Amino acid sequence: MKIKDLINEAESLPVEERAMVVDALLRSLNPPESGIDKKWAAVARKRLEEIRSGTVAAVPGE
């Protein structure tokens, strides 16, 4: 199968299935690293706790 044919076939899929194809392709290029994901989750939990406790103030996006 040629690349153009493959792309045309993928484009004909329903949006949910196209998203699954894109996700799989991106993961094959840049596999997730669970260690890094765990560190980011820890940082996110810490920041959320700081906001909830009032230690830091949220800044409006505008």
N, C-alpha and C. Protein backbone atom coordinates (compact mmCIF):
# COMPACT_ATOMS: atom_id res chain seq x y z
N MET A 1 0.85 -1.17 0.00
CA MET A 1 0.00 0.00 0.00
C MET A 1 0.90 1.24 0.00
N LYS A 2 0.58 2.18 -0.85
CA LYS A 2 1.34 3.43 -0.91
C LYS A 2 0.90 4.36 0.21
N ILE A 3 1.78 5.27 0.56
CA ILE A 3 1.50 6.22 1.64
C ILE A 3 0.24 7.02 1.36
N LYS A 4 0.07 7.49 0.13
CA LYS A 4 -1.12 8.27 -0.21
C LYS A 4 -2.38 7.46 0.01
N ASP A 5 -2.34 6.18 -0.38
CA ASP A 5 -3.50 5.31 -0.19
C ASP A 5 -3.79 5.12 1.30
N LEU A 6 -2.73 4.95 2.06
CA LEU A 6 -2.89 4.78 3.50
C LEU A 6 -3.51 6.02 4.14
N ILE A 7 -3.04 7.19 3.74
CA ILE A 7 -3.58 8.44 4.27
C ILE A 7 -5.04 8.60 3.87
N ASN A 8 -5.35 8.32 2.62
CA ASN A 8 -6.74 8.41 2.17
C ASN A 8 -7.64 7.47 2.95
N GLU A 9 -7.16 6.26 3.19
CA GLU A 9 -7.92 5.27 3.97
C GLU A 9 -8.14 5.77 5.39
N ALA A 10 -7.09 6.31 6.00
CA ALA A 10 -7.21 6.82 7.37
C ALA A 10 -8.17 8.00 7.43
N GLU A 11 -8.14 8.86 6.43
CA GLU A 11 -9.03 10.03 6.42
C GLU A 11 -10.49 9.64 6.28
N SER A 12 -10.75 8.45 5.77
CA SER A 12 -12.14 8.02 5.59
C SER A 12 -12.73 7.42 6.88
N LEU A 13 -11.89 7.23 7.89
CA LEU A 13 -12.36 6.66 9.15
C LEU A 13 -13.18 7.68 9.93
N PRO A 14 -14.06 7.19 10.82
CA PRO A 14 -14.76 8.12 11.73
C PRO A 14 -13.75 8.85 12.61
N VAL A 15 -14.11 10.00 13.09
CA VAL A 15 -13.19 10.87 13.83
C VAL A 15 -12.56 10.16 15.03
N GLU A 16 -13.34 9.35 15.76
CA GLU A 16 -12.79 8.67 16.93
C GLU A 16 -11.68 7.70 16.52
N GLU A 17 -11.88 7.00 15.42
CA GLU A 17 -10.88 6.04 14.96
C GLU A 17 -9.65 6.76 14.39
N ARG A 18 -9.85 7.91 13.75
CA ARG A 18 -8.70 8.69 13.28
C ARG A 18 -7.87 9.15 14.46
N ALA A 19 -8.54 9.57 15.54
CA ALA A 19 -7.82 10.00 16.73
C ALA A 19 -7.00 8.85 17.31
N MET A 20 -7.55 7.64 17.28
CA MET A 20 -6.81 6.48 17.78
C MET A 20 -5.58 6.22 16.91
N VAL A 21 -5.72 6.36 15.60
CA VAL A 21 -4.58 6.16 14.68
C VAL A 21 -3.51 7.20 14.95
N VAL A 22 -3.92 8.45 15.08
CA VAL A 22 -2.97 9.53 15.34
C VAL A 22 -2.24 9.29 16.66
N ASP A 23 -2.99 8.94 17.69
CA ASP A 23 -2.38 8.69 18.99
C ASP A 23 -1.36 7.55 18.91
N ALA A 24 -1.72 6.47 18.23
CA ALA A 24 -0.81 5.33 18.10
C ALA A 24 0.46 5.72 17.34
N LEU A 25 0.31 6.50 16.27
CA LEU A 25 1.47 6.91 15.50
C LEU A 25 2.38 7.84 16.31
N LEU A 26 1.78 8.79 17.03
CA LEU A 26 2.59 9.69 17.84
C LEU A 26 3.30 8.95 18.96
N ARG A 27 2.63 7.98 19.57
CA ARG A 27 3.27 7.20 20.63
C ARG A 27 4.43 6.37 20.08
N SER A 28 4.31 5.94 18.82
CA SER A 28 5.40 5.16 18.24
C SER A 28 6.62 6.03 17.96
N LEU A 29 6.40 7.32 17.75
CA LEU A 29 7.51 8.25 17.53
C LEU A 29 8.14 8.71 18.83
N ASN A 30 7.31 8.87 19.84
CA ASN A 30 7.77 9.40 21.12
C ASN A 30 7.08 8.63 22.25
N PRO A 31 7.57 7.42 22.55
CA PRO A 31 6.91 6.61 23.57
C PRO A 31 6.89 7.31 24.93
N PRO A 32 5.77 7.19 25.65
CA PRO A 32 5.70 7.82 26.97
C PRO A 32 6.68 7.17 27.93
N GLU A 33 7.18 7.96 28.84
CA GLU A 33 8.11 7.47 29.85
C GLU A 33 7.40 7.56 31.20
N SER A 34 7.08 6.42 31.78
CA SER A 34 6.28 6.41 33.00
C SER A 34 6.95 7.17 34.14
N GLY A 35 8.26 7.16 34.20
CA GLY A 35 8.95 7.90 35.25
C GLY A 35 8.70 9.39 35.16
N ILE A 36 8.75 9.91 33.96
CA ILE A 36 8.49 11.33 33.76
C ILE A 36 7.04 11.64 34.05
N ASP A 37 6.13 10.78 33.58
CA ASP A 37 4.71 10.98 33.84
C ASP A 37 4.42 11.02 35.33
N LYS A 38 5.07 10.16 36.11
CA LYS A 38 4.87 10.14 37.56
C LYS A 38 5.38 11.43 38.20
N LYS A 39 6.50 11.94 37.70
CA LYS A 39 7.04 13.18 38.25
C LYS A 39 6.12 14.36 37.95
N TRP A 40 5.58 14.42 36.70
CA TRP A 40 4.65 15.50 36.35
C TRP A 40 3.37 15.41 37.18
N ALA A 41 2.89 14.19 37.42
CA ALA A 41 1.69 14.02 38.25
C ALA A 41 1.96 14.52 39.67
N ALA A 42 3.13 14.25 40.20
CA ALA A 42 3.48 14.72 41.54
C ALA A 42 3.53 16.25 41.59
N VAL A 43 4.10 16.86 40.57
CA VAL A 43 4.16 18.33 40.49
C VAL A 43 2.75 18.90 40.42
N ALA A 44 1.89 18.30 39.61
CA ALA A 44 0.51 18.78 39.46
C ALA A 44 -0.25 18.67 40.78
N ARG A 45 -0.07 17.54 41.50
CA ARG A 45 -0.73 17.39 42.80
C ARG A 45 -0.24 18.45 43.79
N LYS A 46 1.07 18.71 43.79
CA LYS A 46 1.64 19.71 44.70
C LYS A 46 1.07 21.09 44.39
N ARG A 47 1.01 21.44 43.12
CA ARG A 47 0.50 22.76 42.73
C ARG A 47 -0.98 22.91 43.08
N LEU A 48 -1.75 21.84 42.86
CA LEU A 48 -3.17 21.88 43.21
C LEU A 48 -3.34 22.07 44.71
N GLU A 49 -2.57 21.38 45.50
CA GLU A 49 -2.64 21.52 46.95
C GLU A 49 -2.26 22.93 47.37
N GLU A 50 -1.26 23.52 46.73
CA GLU A 50 -0.86 24.90 47.05
C GLU A 50 -2.00 25.88 46.77
N ILE A 51 -2.70 25.67 45.67
CA ILE A 51 -3.83 26.56 45.34
C ILE A 51 -4.96 26.35 46.33
N ARG A 52 -5.29 25.10 46.62
CA ARG A 52 -6.40 24.81 47.54
C ARG A 52 -6.11 25.31 48.95
N SER A 53 -4.86 25.24 49.38
CA SER A 53 -4.52 25.67 50.73
C SER A 53 -4.35 27.19 50.84
N GLY A 54 -4.27 27.86 49.71
CA GLY A 54 -4.09 29.30 49.74
C GLY A 54 -2.64 29.72 49.82
N THR A 55 -1.71 28.77 49.74
CA THR A 55 -0.29 29.08 49.80
C THR A 55 0.10 29.96 48.61
N VAL A 56 -0.50 29.69 47.47
CA VAL A 56 -0.27 30.51 46.28
C VAL A 56 -1.61 30.93 45.73
N ALA A 57 -1.62 32.02 45.01
CA ALA A 57 -2.87 32.52 44.42
C ALA A 57 -2.86 32.24 42.92
N ALA A 58 -4.00 31.89 42.40
CA ALA A 58 -4.14 31.67 40.96
C ALA A 58 -4.11 33.02 40.24
N VAL A 59 -3.56 33.01 39.05
CA VAL A 59 -3.49 34.23 38.23
C VAL A 59 -4.47 34.06 37.07
N PRO A 60 -5.38 35.01 36.87
CA PRO A 60 -6.34 34.90 35.77
C PRO A 60 -5.62 34.80 34.41
N GLY A 61 -6.20 34.06 33.50
CA GLY A 61 -5.61 33.85 32.19
C GLY A 61 -5.58 35.09 31.31
N GLU A 62 -6.48 36.02 31.54
CA GLU A 62 -6.50 37.23 30.71
C GLU A 62 -5.25 38.00 30.97
